[in-house]
Amino acid sequence: ARAFAHAVFRAYFVDGRNIAEAAVLLDIADALGLDRAEVADAFGEPATKARLKAEIDLAEARGVFGSPFFIVEGEGFWGNDRLAQLERWLEKGPF
């Protein structure tokens, strides 16, 4: 799951691919050696949809409103342009 998530972020933020398209996600799964048919089936399963909804609800409850969004010690860092601030925080602590 971690490798898939990283590949999806890379596809969107580096390659400019439309990750809202199932075909793009299935191509990513293929590239990772995952079974394309199994992944496609998982997208439609009620349990998968319920898990996704629960994760989104939890993120919203924590104040997440975009991606990438990281929370460190209660402090939110949103956007690719904030990664340097996040790295500094992790290295040296709060500003």
N, C-alpha and C. Protein backbone atom coordinates (compact mmCIF):
# COMPACT_ATOMS: atom_id res chain seq x y z
N ALA A 1 0.83 -1.19 0.00
CA ALA A 1 0.00 0.00 0.00
C ALA A 1 0.87 1.26 0.00
N ARG A 2 1.97 1.21 0.74
CA ARG A 2 2.85 2.38 0.82
C ARG A 2 3.47 2.68 -0.54
N ALA A 3 3.94 1.66 -1.23
CA ALA A 3 4.55 1.85 -2.55
C ALA A 3 3.52 2.40 -3.54
N PHE A 4 2.29 1.90 -3.44
CA PHE A 4 1.23 2.38 -4.33
C PHE A 4 0.94 3.86 -4.03
N ALA A 5 0.83 4.22 -2.77
CA ALA A 5 0.56 5.61 -2.39
C ALA A 5 1.67 6.53 -2.89
N HIS A 6 2.91 6.11 -2.71
CA HIS A 6 4.04 6.93 -3.18
C HIS A 6 3.99 7.09 -4.69
N ALA A 7 3.68 6.00 -5.39
CA ALA A 7 3.62 6.06 -6.85
C ALA A 7 2.48 6.96 -7.33
N VAL A 8 1.37 6.96 -6.61
CA VAL A 8 0.25 7.83 -6.98
C VAL A 8 0.63 9.29 -6.76
N PHE A 9 1.25 9.61 -5.64
CA PHE A 9 1.71 10.98 -5.39
C PHE A 9 2.69 11.42 -6.48
N ARG A 10 3.62 10.53 -6.81
CA ARG A 10 4.61 10.84 -7.84
C ARG A 10 3.93 11.08 -9.19
N ALA A 11 2.95 10.24 -9.51
CA ALA A 11 2.24 10.38 -10.78
C ALA A 11 1.56 11.75 -10.87
N TYR A 12 0.99 12.19 -9.78
CA TYR A 12 0.28 13.46 -9.78
C TYR A 12 1.22 14.66 -9.70
N PHE A 13 2.08 14.66 -8.69
CA PHE A 13 2.89 15.84 -8.42
C PHE A 13 4.12 15.97 -9.31
N VAL A 14 4.64 14.87 -9.81
CA VAL A 14 5.84 14.92 -10.64
C VAL A 14 5.49 14.79 -12.12
N ASP A 15 4.64 13.80 -12.42
CA ASP A 15 4.35 13.50 -13.82
C ASP A 15 3.11 14.22 -14.36
N GLY A 16 2.33 14.84 -13.48
CA GLY A 16 1.15 15.57 -13.93
C GLY A 16 0.03 14.70 -14.46
N ARG A 17 -0.04 13.47 -13.99
CA ARG A 17 -1.09 12.55 -14.45
C ARG A 17 -2.37 12.77 -13.66
N ASN A 18 -3.50 12.45 -14.28
CA ASN A 18 -4.81 12.62 -13.65
C ASN A 18 -5.14 11.37 -12.83
N ILE A 19 -4.89 11.42 -11.54
CA ILE A 19 -5.10 10.26 -10.68
C ILE A 19 -6.56 10.04 -10.33
N ALA A 20 -7.45 10.89 -10.84
CA ALA A 20 -8.89 10.67 -10.67
C ALA A 20 -9.40 9.64 -11.68
N GLU A 21 -8.58 9.31 -12.66
CA GLU A 21 -8.96 8.32 -13.66
C GLU A 21 -8.51 6.93 -13.21
N ALA A 22 -9.46 6.02 -13.19
CA ALA A 22 -9.16 4.65 -12.76
C ALA A 22 -8.07 4.03 -13.62
N ALA A 23 -8.06 4.31 -14.91
CA ALA A 23 -7.06 3.74 -15.81
C ALA A 23 -5.65 4.14 -15.39
N VAL A 24 -5.48 5.37 -14.92
CA VAL A 24 -4.17 5.84 -14.47
C VAL A 24 -3.75 5.04 -13.23
N LEU A 25 -4.67 4.88 -12.30
CA LEU A 25 -4.37 4.11 -11.08
C LEU A 25 -4.05 2.66 -11.41
N LEU A 26 -4.76 2.10 -12.37
CA LEU A 26 -4.50 0.71 -12.76
C LEU A 26 -3.15 0.58 -13.46
N ASP A 27 -2.77 1.59 -14.24
CA ASP A 27 -1.44 1.58 -14.85
C ASP A 27 -0.35 1.62 -13.78
N ILE A 28 -0.58 2.40 -12.73
CA ILE A 28 0.38 2.47 -11.62
C ILE A 28 0.47 1.10 -10.93
N ALA A 29 -0.68 0.49 -10.69
CA ALA A 29 -0.69 -0.84 -10.09
C ALA A 29 0.09 -1.84 -10.94
N ASP A 30 -0.14 -1.77 -12.25
CA ASP A 30 0.59 -2.63 -13.19
C ASP A 30 2.10 -2.44 -13.04
N ALA A 31 2.52 -1.18 -13.02
CA ALA A 31 3.94 -0.87 -12.94
C ALA A 31 4.58 -1.40 -11.66
N LEU A 32 3.76 -1.54 -10.61
CA LEU A 32 4.25 -2.07 -9.34
C LEU A 32 4.17 -3.59 -9.26
N GLY A 33 3.68 -4.20 -10.33
CA GLY A 33 3.56 -5.66 -10.35
C GLY A 33 2.31 -6.19 -9.68
N LEU A 34 1.34 -5.31 -9.41
CA LEU A 34 0.07 -5.74 -8.82
C LEU A 34 -0.84 -6.28 -9.90
N ASP A 35 -1.73 -7.17 -9.53
CA ASP A 35 -2.67 -7.74 -10.49
C ASP A 35 -3.73 -6.69 -10.83
N ARG A 36 -3.74 -6.26 -12.07
CA ARG A 36 -4.63 -5.19 -12.53
C ARG A 36 -6.10 -5.52 -12.26
N ALA A 37 -6.50 -6.75 -12.54
CA ALA A 37 -7.90 -7.15 -12.36
C ALA A 37 -8.28 -7.13 -10.88
N GLU A 38 -7.39 -7.61 -10.02
CA GLU A 38 -7.67 -7.59 -8.58
C GLU A 38 -7.80 -6.17 -8.05
N VAL A 39 -6.93 -5.30 -8.51
CA VAL A 39 -6.99 -3.90 -8.07
C VAL A 39 -8.28 -3.26 -8.57
N ALA A 40 -8.64 -3.51 -9.82
CA ALA A 40 -9.88 -2.96 -10.38
C ALA A 40 -11.08 -3.45 -9.58
N ASP A 41 -11.08 -4.72 -9.24
CA ASP A 41 -12.18 -5.28 -8.44
C ASP A 41 -12.23 -4.61 -7.06
N ALA A 42 -11.07 -4.38 -6.46
CA ALA A 42 -11.02 -3.77 -5.13
C ALA A 42 -11.60 -2.36 -5.15
N PHE A 43 -11.40 -1.63 -6.24
CA PHE A 43 -11.95 -0.28 -6.34
C PHE A 43 -13.47 -0.27 -6.17
N GLY A 44 -14.14 -1.33 -6.62
CA GLY A 44 -15.60 -1.37 -6.59
C GLY A 44 -16.19 -2.04 -5.36
N GLU A 45 -15.34 -2.61 -4.51
CA GLU A 45 -15.86 -3.33 -3.34
C GLU A 45 -16.42 -2.37 -2.29
N PRO A 46 -17.58 -2.70 -1.72
CA PRO A 46 -18.15 -1.85 -0.67
C PRO A 46 -17.20 -1.63 0.51
N ALA A 47 -16.43 -2.63 0.88
CA ALA A 47 -15.50 -2.47 2.00
C ALA A 47 -14.42 -1.45 1.67
N THR A 48 -13.94 -1.45 0.43
CA THR A 48 -12.93 -0.47 0.02
C THR A 48 -13.50 0.93 0.06
N LYS A 49 -14.72 1.07 -0.45
CA LYS A 49 -15.37 2.38 -0.46
C LYS A 49 -15.63 2.87 0.96
N ALA A 50 -16.04 1.97 1.84
CA ALA A 50 -16.30 2.34 3.24
C ALA A 50 -15.00 2.76 3.93
N ARG A 51 -13.92 2.06 3.66
CA ARG A 51 -12.62 2.42 4.25
C ARG A 51 -12.17 3.78 3.77
N LEU A 52 -12.32 4.03 2.47
CA LEU A 52 -11.94 5.33 1.92
C LEU A 52 -12.75 6.45 2.57
N LYS A 53 -14.06 6.24 2.70
CA LYS A 53 -14.92 7.26 3.33
C LYS A 53 -14.49 7.50 4.78
N ALA A 54 -14.20 6.44 5.51
CA ALA A 54 -13.78 6.57 6.91
C ALA A 54 -12.47 7.34 7.01
N GLU A 55 -11.53 7.07 6.12
CA GLU A 55 -10.23 7.77 6.14
C GLU A 55 -10.41 9.24 5.80
N ILE A 56 -11.28 9.54 4.84
CA ILE A 56 -11.54 10.94 4.48
C ILE A 56 -12.22 11.66 5.64
N ASP A 57 -13.19 11.01 6.26
CA ASP A 57 -13.87 11.62 7.41
C ASP A 57 -12.89 11.91 8.54
N LEU A 58 -11.98 10.99 8.82
CA LEU A 58 -10.97 11.19 9.86
C LEU A 58 -10.04 12.35 9.50
N ALA A 59 -9.61 12.40 8.26
CA ALA A 59 -8.72 13.49 7.82
C ALA A 59 -9.42 14.83 7.97
N GLU A 60 -10.67 14.91 7.54
CA GLU A 60 -11.42 16.17 7.67
C GLU A 60 -11.59 16.56 9.13
N ALA A 61 -11.84 15.59 9.99
CA ALA A 61 -11.99 15.88 11.42
C ALA A 61 -10.69 16.44 12.02
N ARG A 62 -9.56 16.06 11.44
CA ARG A 62 -8.26 16.55 11.91
C ARG A 62 -7.85 17.86 11.25
N GLY A 63 -8.70 18.36 10.35
CA GLY A 63 -8.43 19.64 9.71
C GLY A 63 -7.71 19.56 8.38
N VAL A 64 -7.57 18.36 7.84
CA VAL A 64 -6.92 18.20 6.53
C VAL A 64 -7.86 18.73 5.46
N PHE A 65 -7.30 19.51 4.53
CA PHE A 65 -8.14 20.07 3.48
C PHE A 65 -7.50 20.02 2.10
N GLY A 66 -6.36 19.41 1.99
CA GLY A 66 -5.68 19.31 0.70
C GLY A 66 -4.61 18.25 0.74
N SER A 67 -3.85 18.17 -0.32
CA SER A 67 -2.80 17.18 -0.40
C SER A 67 -1.62 17.76 -1.17
N PRO A 68 -0.42 17.51 -0.72
CA PRO A 68 -0.08 16.75 0.48
C PRO A 68 -0.34 17.57 1.74
N PHE A 69 -0.68 16.88 2.79
CA PHE A 69 -0.95 17.51 4.08
C PHE A 69 -0.34 16.62 5.15
N PHE A 70 0.52 17.21 5.96
CA PHE A 70 1.18 16.47 7.03
C PHE A 70 0.88 17.15 8.35
N ILE A 71 0.69 16.36 9.39
CA ILE A 71 0.48 16.90 10.73
C ILE A 71 1.60 16.38 11.62
N VAL A 72 2.33 17.32 12.22
CA VAL A 72 3.43 16.98 13.12
C VAL A 72 3.19 17.74 14.42
N GLU A 73 3.05 17.00 15.50
CA GLU A 73 2.83 17.60 16.82
C GLU A 73 1.69 18.61 16.78
N GLY A 74 0.63 18.26 16.05
CA GLY A 74 -0.55 19.10 15.98
C GLY A 74 -0.47 20.24 14.98
N GLU A 75 0.68 20.44 14.36
CA GLU A 75 0.87 21.52 13.39
C GLU A 75 0.69 20.97 11.97
N GLY A 76 -0.19 21.61 11.21
CA GLY A 76 -0.43 21.18 9.84
C GLY A 76 0.50 21.84 8.84
N PHE A 77 0.96 21.07 7.89
CA PHE A 77 1.78 21.56 6.78
C PHE A 77 1.07 21.13 5.50
N TRP A 78 0.63 22.11 4.74
CA TRP A 78 -0.14 21.81 3.54
C TRP A 78 0.56 22.33 2.30
N GLY A 79 0.69 21.45 1.33
CA GLY A 79 1.21 21.84 0.03
C GLY A 79 2.65 21.45 -0.18
N ASN A 80 2.96 21.22 -1.44
CA ASN A 80 4.31 20.86 -1.85
C ASN A 80 5.31 21.94 -1.45
N ASP A 81 4.87 23.21 -1.48
CA ASP A 81 5.76 24.31 -1.17
C ASP A 81 6.08 24.43 0.32
N ARG A 82 5.43 23.62 1.16
CA ARG A 82 5.69 23.66 2.60
C ARG A 82 6.60 22.52 3.06
N LEU A 83 7.05 21.70 2.14
CA LEU A 83 7.88 20.56 2.53
C LEU A 83 9.19 21.00 3.18
N ALA A 84 9.76 22.10 2.73
CA ALA A 84 11.00 22.60 3.36
C ALA A 84 10.74 22.99 4.81
N GLN A 85 9.58 23.60 5.07
CA GLN A 85 9.24 23.96 6.45
C GLN A 85 9.05 22.70 7.30
N LEU A 86 8.41 21.71 6.73
CA LEU A 86 8.20 20.44 7.43
C LEU A 86 9.54 19.80 7.76
N GLU A 87 10.43 19.76 6.79
CA GLU A 87 11.76 19.17 7.03
C GLU A 87 12.51 19.92 8.13
N ARG A 88 12.42 21.25 8.12
CA ARG A 88 13.08 22.05 9.15
C ARG A 88 12.49 21.74 10.52
N TRP A 89 11.15 21.64 10.59
CA TRP A 89 10.47 21.32 11.86
C TRP A 89 10.94 19.96 12.38
N LEU A 90 11.00 18.97 11.51
CA LEU A 90 11.43 17.64 11.91
C LEU A 90 12.88 17.63 12.39
N GLU A 91 13.69 18.48 11.78
CA GLU A 91 15.10 18.54 12.12
C GLU A 91 15.38 19.31 13.40
N LYS A 92 14.68 20.46 13.58
CA LYS A 92 15.02 21.38 14.66
C LYS A 92 13.90 21.67 15.64
N GLY A 93 12.69 21.19 15.35
CA GLY A 93 11.56 21.48 16.22
C GLY A 93 10.78 22.69 15.75
N PRO A 94 9.77 23.08 16.53
CA PRO A 94 8.91 24.19 16.14
C PRO A 94 9.67 25.48 15.93
N PHE A 95 9.10 26.33 15.10
CA PHE A 95 9.71 27.64 14.82
C PHE A 95 9.62 28.53 16.02
